[in-house]
Amino acid sequence: MSETSCPRCRNPIDDEDALLCHFCGVSLNRTSASLLGKIRGAGGKWVWIVIVAIVAAAMLASMF
């Protein structure tokens, strides 16, 4: 099990799934293990571009 330390308060964090420090609440700069978390970690703007494109395509398809 890997132990990391908080970048702000320097306390050790034993939980591998923690996204925030248990002591001070600062972000540990980790992405979520879920699919959406991995996509957002790779590039958050692409998620929004794909969502907007799907909505626009659905609206065009419903007009015809």
PDB file of N, CA and C in Angstrom:
ATOM      1  N   MET A   1       0.849  -1.162   0.000  1.00  0.00           N
ATOM      2  CA  MET A   1       0.000   0.000   0.000  1.00  0.00           C
ATOM      3  C   MET A   1       0.901   1.232   0.000  1.00  0.00           C
ATOM      4  N   SER A   2       0.619   2.148  -0.928  1.00  0.00           N
ATOM      5  CA  SER A   2       1.449   3.336  -1.014  1.00  0.00           C
ATOM      6  C   SER A   2       0.932   4.419  -0.072  1.00  0.00           C
ATOM      7  N   GLU A   3       1.848   5.045   0.600  1.00  0.00           N
ATOM      8  CA  GLU A   3       1.496   6.114   1.524  1.00  0.00           C
ATOM      9  C   GLU A   3       1.973   7.427   0.927  1.00  0.00           C
ATOM     10  N   THR A   4       1.063   8.371   0.790  1.00  0.00           N
ATOM     11  CA  THR A   4       1.430   9.683   0.293  1.00  0.00           C
ATOM     12  C   THR A   4       1.272  10.702   1.413  1.00  0.00           C
ATOM     13  N   SER A   5       1.822  11.867   1.203  1.00  0.00           N
ATOM     14  CA  SER A   5       1.663  12.922   2.196  1.00  0.00           C
ATOM     15  C   SER A   5       0.956  14.109   1.551  1.00  0.00           C
ATOM     16  N   CYS A   6       0.239  14.845   2.361  1.00  0.00           N
ATOM     17  CA  CYS A   6      -0.497  16.020   1.921  1.00  0.00           C
ATOM     18  C   CYS A   6       0.496  17.108   1.507  1.00  0.00           C
ATOM     19  N   PRO A   7       0.269  17.773   0.371  1.00  0.00           N
ATOM     20  CA  PRO A   7       1.204  18.823  -0.042  1.00  0.00           C
ATOM     21  C   PRO A   7       1.149  20.063   0.848  1.00  0.00           C
ATOM     22  N   ARG A   8       0.059  20.239   1.600  1.00  0.00           N
ATOM     23  CA  ARG A   8      -0.060  21.436   2.440  1.00  0.00           C
ATOM     24  C   ARG A   8       0.355  21.188   3.889  1.00  0.00           C
ATOM     25  N   CYS A   9      -0.251  20.180   4.540  1.00  0.00           N
ATOM     26  CA  CYS A   9       0.024  19.969   5.967  1.00  0.00           C
ATOM     27  C   CYS A   9       1.057  18.871   6.227  1.00  0.00           C
ATOM     28  N   ARG A  10       1.464  18.141   5.175  1.00  0.00           N
ATOM     29  CA  ARG A  10       2.497  17.096   5.255  1.00  0.00           C
ATOM     30  C   ARG A  10       2.132  15.899   6.123  1.00  0.00           C
ATOM     31  N   ASN A  11       0.852  15.717   6.440  1.00  0.00           N
ATOM     32  CA  ASN A  11       0.424  14.536   7.186  1.00  0.00           C
ATOM     33  C   ASN A  11       0.305  13.356   6.231  1.00  0.00           C
ATOM     34  N   PRO A  12       0.633  12.162   6.673  1.00  0.00           N
ATOM     35  CA  PRO A  12       0.548  10.985   5.792  1.00  0.00           C
ATOM     36  C   PRO A  12      -0.901  10.596   5.524  1.00  0.00           C
ATOM     37  N   ILE A  13      -1.181  10.224   4.272  1.00  0.00           N
ATOM     38  CA  ILE A  13      -2.504   9.769   3.855  1.00  0.00           C
ATOM     39  C   ILE A  13      -2.357   8.304   3.449  1.00  0.00           C
ATOM     40  N   ASP A  14      -2.998   7.408   4.199  1.00  0.00           N
ATOM     41  CA  ASP A  14      -2.901   5.975   3.925  1.00  0.00           C
ATOM     42  C   ASP A  14      -3.948   5.492   2.936  1.00  0.00           C
ATOM     43  N   ASP A  15      -5.059   6.226   2.801  1.00  0.00           N
ATOM     44  CA  ASP A  15      -6.165   5.811   1.947  1.00  0.00           C
ATOM     45  C   ASP A  15      -5.821   6.092   0.487  1.00  0.00           C
ATOM     46  N   GLU A  16      -5.779   5.054  -0.343  1.00  0.00           N
ATOM     47  CA  GLU A  16      -5.441   5.214  -1.752  1.00  0.00           C
ATOM     48  C   GLU A  16      -6.568   5.843  -2.549  1.00  0.00           C
ATOM     49  N   ASP A  17      -7.820   5.746  -2.064  1.00  0.00           N
ATOM     50  CA  ASP A  17      -8.970   6.271  -2.784  1.00  0.00           C
ATOM     51  C   ASP A  17      -9.312   7.696  -2.387  1.00  0.00           C
ATOM     52  N   ALA A  18      -8.604   8.278  -1.436  1.00  0.00           N
ATOM     53  CA  ALA A  18      -8.910   9.626  -0.963  1.00  0.00           C
ATOM     54  C   ALA A  18      -8.533  10.650  -2.031  1.00  0.00           C
ATOM     55  N   LEU A  19      -9.454  11.590  -2.275  1.00  0.00           N
ATOM     56  CA  LEU A  19      -9.194  12.675  -3.206  1.00  0.00           C
ATOM     57  C   LEU A  19      -8.827  13.960  -2.477  1.00  0.00           C
ATOM     58  N   LEU A  20      -9.196  14.035  -1.174  1.00  0.00           N
ATOM     59  CA  LEU A  20      -8.889  15.194  -0.340  1.00  0.00           C
ATOM     60  C   LEU A  20      -8.146  14.738   0.899  1.00  0.00           C
ATOM     61  N   CYS A  21      -7.348  15.635   1.475  1.00  0.00           N
ATOM     62  CA  CYS A  21      -6.636  15.350   2.717  1.00  0.00           C
ATOM     63  C   CYS A  21      -7.644  15.218   3.857  1.00  0.00           C
ATOM     64  N   HIS A  22      -7.470  14.228   4.711  1.00  0.00           N
ATOM     65  CA  HIS A  22      -8.377  14.006   5.836  1.00  0.00           C
ATOM     66  C   HIS A  22      -8.199  15.059   6.920  1.00  0.00           C
ATOM     67  N   PHE A  23      -7.065  15.727   6.945  1.00  0.00           N
ATOM     68  CA  PHE A  23      -6.746  16.664   8.008  1.00  0.00           C
ATOM     69  C   PHE A  23      -7.093  18.112   7.649  1.00  0.00           C
ATOM     70  N   CYS A  24      -6.680  18.562   6.468  1.00  0.00           N
ATOM     71  CA  CYS A  24      -6.903  19.973   6.115  1.00  0.00           C
ATOM     72  C   CYS A  24      -7.881  20.165   4.961  1.00  0.00           C
ATOM     73  N   GLY A  25      -8.211  19.098   4.204  1.00  0.00           N
ATOM     74  CA  GLY A  25      -9.205  19.187   3.137  1.00  0.00           C
ATOM     75  C   GLY A  25      -8.675  19.643   1.792  1.00  0.00           C
ATOM     76  N   VAL A  26      -7.378  19.811   1.662  1.00  0.00           N
ATOM     77  CA  VAL A  26      -6.813  20.242   0.386  1.00  0.00           C
ATOM     78  C   VAL A  26      -6.809  19.069  -0.601  1.00  0.00           C
ATOM     79  N   SER A  27      -6.902  19.374  -1.900  1.00  0.00           N
ATOM     80  CA  SER A  27      -6.925  18.347  -2.931  1.00  0.00           C
ATOM     81  C   SER A  27      -5.577  17.632  -3.016  1.00  0.00           C
ATOM     82  N   LEU A  28      -5.620  16.332  -3.230  1.00  0.00           N
ATOM     83  CA  LEU A  28      -4.389  15.544  -3.377  1.00  0.00           C
ATOM     84  C   LEU A  28      -3.998  15.376  -4.840  1.00  0.00           C
ATOM     85  N   ASN A  29      -4.696  16.074  -5.743  1.00  0.00           N
ATOM     86  CA  ASN A  29      -4.430  16.046  -7.190  1.00  0.00           C
ATOM     87  C   ASN A  29      -4.518  14.635  -7.761  1.00  0.00           C
ATOM     88  N   ARG A  30      -5.543  13.923  -7.343  1.00  0.00           N
ATOM     89  CA  ARG A  30      -5.804  12.585  -7.872  1.00  0.00           C
ATOM     90  C   ARG A  30      -7.119  12.609  -8.625  1.00  0.00           C
ATOM     91  N   THR A  31      -7.252  11.720  -9.579  1.00  0.00           N
ATOM     92  CA  THR A  31      -8.523  11.589 -10.279  1.00  0.00           C
ATOM     93  C   THR A  31      -9.291  10.424  -9.690  1.00  0.00           C
ATOM     94  N   SER A  32     -10.563  10.462  -9.861  1.00  0.00           N
ATOM     95  CA  SER A  32     -11.429   9.401  -9.376  1.00  0.00           C
ATOM     96  C   SER A  32     -11.157   8.114 -10.150  1.00  0.00           C
ATOM     97  N   ALA A  33     -11.457   6.979  -9.549  1.00  0.00           N
ATOM     98  CA  ALA A  33     -11.247   5.687 -10.208  1.00  0.00           C
ATOM     99  C   ALA A  33     -12.375   5.353 -11.174  1.00  0.00           C
ATOM    100  N   SER A  34     -13.448   6.141 -11.175  1.00  0.00           N
ATOM    101  CA  SER A  34     -14.566   5.869 -12.069  1.00  0.00           C
ATOM    102  C   SER A  34     -14.211   6.261 -13.500  1.00  0.00           C
ATOM    103  N   LEU A  35     -15.046   5.851 -14.439  1.00  0.00           N
ATOM    104  CA  LEU A  35     -14.801   6.138 -15.847  1.00  0.00           C
ATOM    105  C   LEU A  35     -14.815   7.637 -16.107  1.00  0.00           C
ATOM    106  N   LEU A  36     -15.795   8.340 -15.542  1.00  0.00           N
ATOM    107  CA  LEU A  36     -15.876   9.783 -15.744  1.00  0.00           C
ATOM    108  C   LEU A  36     -14.671  10.493 -15.131  1.00  0.00           C
ATOM    109  N   GLY A  37     -14.204  10.014 -13.989  1.00  0.00           N
ATOM    110  CA  GLY A  37     -13.023  10.603 -13.372  1.00  0.00           C
ATOM    111  C   GLY A  37     -11.789  10.432 -14.231  1.00  0.00           C
ATOM    112  N   LYS A  38     -11.647   9.289 -14.875  1.00  0.00           N
ATOM    113  CA  LYS A  38     -10.498   9.075 -15.754  1.00  0.00           C
ATOM    114  C   LYS A  38     -10.583   9.946 -16.999  1.00  0.00           C
ATOM    115  N   ILE A  39     -11.800  10.123 -17.525  1.00  0.00           N
ATOM    116  CA  ILE A  39     -11.968  10.972 -18.705  1.00  0.00           C
ATOM    117  C   ILE A  39     -11.668  12.415 -18.346  1.00  0.00           C
ATOM    118  N   ARG A  40     -12.189  12.886 -17.208  1.00  0.00           N
ATOM    119  CA  ARG A  40     -11.958  14.267 -16.783  1.00  0.00           C
ATOM    120  C   ARG A  40     -10.489  14.507 -16.479  1.00  0.00           C
ATOM    121  N   GLY A  41      -9.803  13.488 -15.948  1.00  0.00           N
ATOM    122  CA  GLY A  41      -8.387  13.637 -15.670  1.00  0.00           C
ATOM    123  C   GLY A  41      -7.565  13.751 -16.936  1.00  0.00           C
ATOM    124  N   ALA A  42      -8.033  13.111 -18.011  1.00  0.00           N
ATOM    125  CA  ALA A  42      -7.310  13.141 -19.277  1.00  0.00           C
ATOM    126  C   ALA A  42      -7.491  14.475 -19.996  1.00  0.00           C
ATOM    127  N   GLY A  43      -8.598  15.125 -19.805  1.00  0.00           N
ATOM    128  CA  GLY A  43      -8.864  16.407 -20.470  1.00  0.00           C
ATOM    129  C   GLY A  43     -10.313  16.774 -20.297  1.00  0.00           C
ATOM    130  N   GLY A  44     -10.622  17.610 -19.362  1.00  0.00           N
ATOM    131  CA  GLY A  44     -11.997  17.940 -19.020  1.00  0.00           C
ATOM    132  C   GLY A  44     -12.762  18.643 -20.124  1.00  0.00           C
ATOM    133  N   LYS A  45     -12.062  19.416 -20.966  1.00  0.00           N
ATOM    134  CA  LYS A  45     -12.777  20.141 -22.003  1.00  0.00           C
ATOM    135  C   LYS A  45     -13.346  19.203 -23.061  1.00  0.00           C
ATOM    136  N   TRP A  46     -12.723  18.065 -23.293  1.00  0.00           N
ATOM    137  CA  TRP A  46     -13.228  17.135 -24.301  1.00  0.00           C
ATOM    138  C   TRP A  46     -14.533  16.498 -23.879  1.00  0.00           C
ATOM    139  N   VAL A  47     -14.727  16.311 -22.593  1.00  0.00           N
ATOM    140  CA  VAL A  47     -15.999  15.765 -22.095  1.00  0.00           C
ATOM    141  C   VAL A  47     -17.128  16.722 -22.439  1.00  0.00           C
ATOM    142  N   TRP A  48     -16.920  18.011 -22.193  1.00  0.00           N
ATOM    143  CA  TRP A  48     -17.958  19.004 -22.484  1.00  0.00           C
ATOM    144  C   TRP A  48     -18.184  19.143 -23.980  1.00  0.00           C
ATOM    145  N   ILE A  49     -17.153  19.062 -24.775  1.00  0.00           N
ATOM    146  CA  ILE A  49     -17.314  19.154 -26.223  1.00  0.00           C
ATOM    147  C   ILE A  49     -18.153  17.984 -26.740  1.00  0.00           C
ATOM    148  N   VAL A  50     -17.900  16.786 -26.245  1.00  0.00           N
ATOM    149  CA  VAL A  50     -18.667  15.608 -26.664  1.00  0.00           C
ATOM    150  C   VAL A  50     -20.121  15.727 -26.217  1.00  0.00           C
ATOM    151  N   ILE A  51     -20.354  16.186 -24.991  1.00  0.00           N
ATOM    152  CA  ILE A  51     -21.722  16.332 -24.489  1.00  0.00           C
ATOM    153  C   ILE A  51     -22.486  17.357 -25.331  1.00  0.00           C
ATOM    154  N   VAL A  52     -21.873  18.488 -25.635  1.00  0.00           N
ATOM    155  CA  VAL A  52     -22.524  19.517 -26.445  1.00  0.00           C
ATOM    156  C   VAL A  52     -22.804  18.992 -27.843  1.00  0.00           C
ATOM    157  N   ALA A  53     -21.885  18.250 -28.426  1.00  0.00           N
ATOM    158  CA  ALA A  53     -22.089  17.688 -29.766  1.00  0.00           C
ATOM    159  C   ALA A  53     -23.245  16.691 -29.779  1.00  0.00           C
ATOM    160  N   ILE A  54     -23.350  15.865 -28.753  1.00  0.00           N
ATOM    161  CA  ILE A  54     -24.444  14.888 -28.686  1.00  0.00           C
ATOM    162  C   ILE A  54     -25.781  15.598 -28.535  1.00  0.00           C
ATOM    163  N   VAL A  55     -25.837  16.612 -27.696  1.00  0.00           N
ATOM    164  CA  VAL A  55     -27.086  17.368 -27.511  1.00  0.00           C
ATOM    165  C   VAL A  55     -27.476  18.079 -28.795  1.00  0.00           C
ATOM    166  N   ALA A  56     -26.516  18.694 -29.476  1.00  0.00           N
ATOM    167  CA  ALA A  56     -26.807  19.384 -30.734  1.00  0.00           C
ATOM    168  C   ALA A  56     -27.295  18.402 -31.789  1.00  0.00           C
ATOM    169  N   ALA A  57     -26.675  17.233 -31.866  1.00  0.00           N
ATOM    170  CA  ALA A  57     -27.108  16.225 -32.826  1.00  0.00           C
ATOM    171  C   ALA A  57     -28.507  15.709 -32.511  1.00  0.00           C
ATOM    172  N   ALA A  58     -28.823  15.557 -31.240  1.00  0.00           N
ATOM    173  CA  ALA A  58     -30.152  15.113 -30.849  1.00  0.00           C
ATOM    174  C   ALA A  58     -31.208  16.154 -31.194  1.00  0.00           C
ATOM    175  N   MET A  59     -30.878  17.425 -31.004  1.00  0.00           N
ATOM    176  CA  MET A  59     -31.827  18.477 -31.341  1.00  0.00           C
ATOM    177  C   MET A  59     -32.061  18.553 -32.854  1.00  0.00           C
ATOM    178  N   LEU A  60     -31.004  18.413 -33.639  1.00  0.00           N
ATOM    179  CA  LEU A  60     -31.159  18.404 -35.105  1.00  0.00           C
ATOM    180  C   LEU A  60     -31.964  17.194 -35.568  1.00  0.00           C
ATOM    181  N   ALA A  61     -31.723  16.055 -34.953  1.00  0.00           N
ATOM    182  CA  ALA A  61     -32.453  14.845 -35.338  1.00  0.00           C
ATOM    183  C   ALA A  61     -33.928  14.957 -34.963  1.00  0.00           C
ATOM    184  N   SER A  62     -34.248  15.616 -33.866  1.00  0.00           N
ATOM    185  CA  SER A  62     -35.646  15.744 -33.473  1.00  0.00           C
ATOM    186  C   SER A  62     -36.391  16.743 -34.364  1.00  0.00           C
ATOM    187  N   MET A  63     -35.690  17.683 -34.981  1.00  0.00           N
ATOM    188  CA  MET A  63     -36.323  18.640 -35.896  1.00  0.00           C
ATOM    189  C   MET A  63     -36.734  17.991 -37.211  1.00  0.00           C
ATOM    190  N   PHE A  64     -36.004  16.981 -37.631  1.00  0.00           N
ATOM    191  CA  PHE A  64     -36.309  16.309 -38.883  1.00  0.00           C
ATOM    192  C   PHE A  64     -37.091  15.100 -38.595  1.00  0.00           C
TER     193      PHE A  64
END
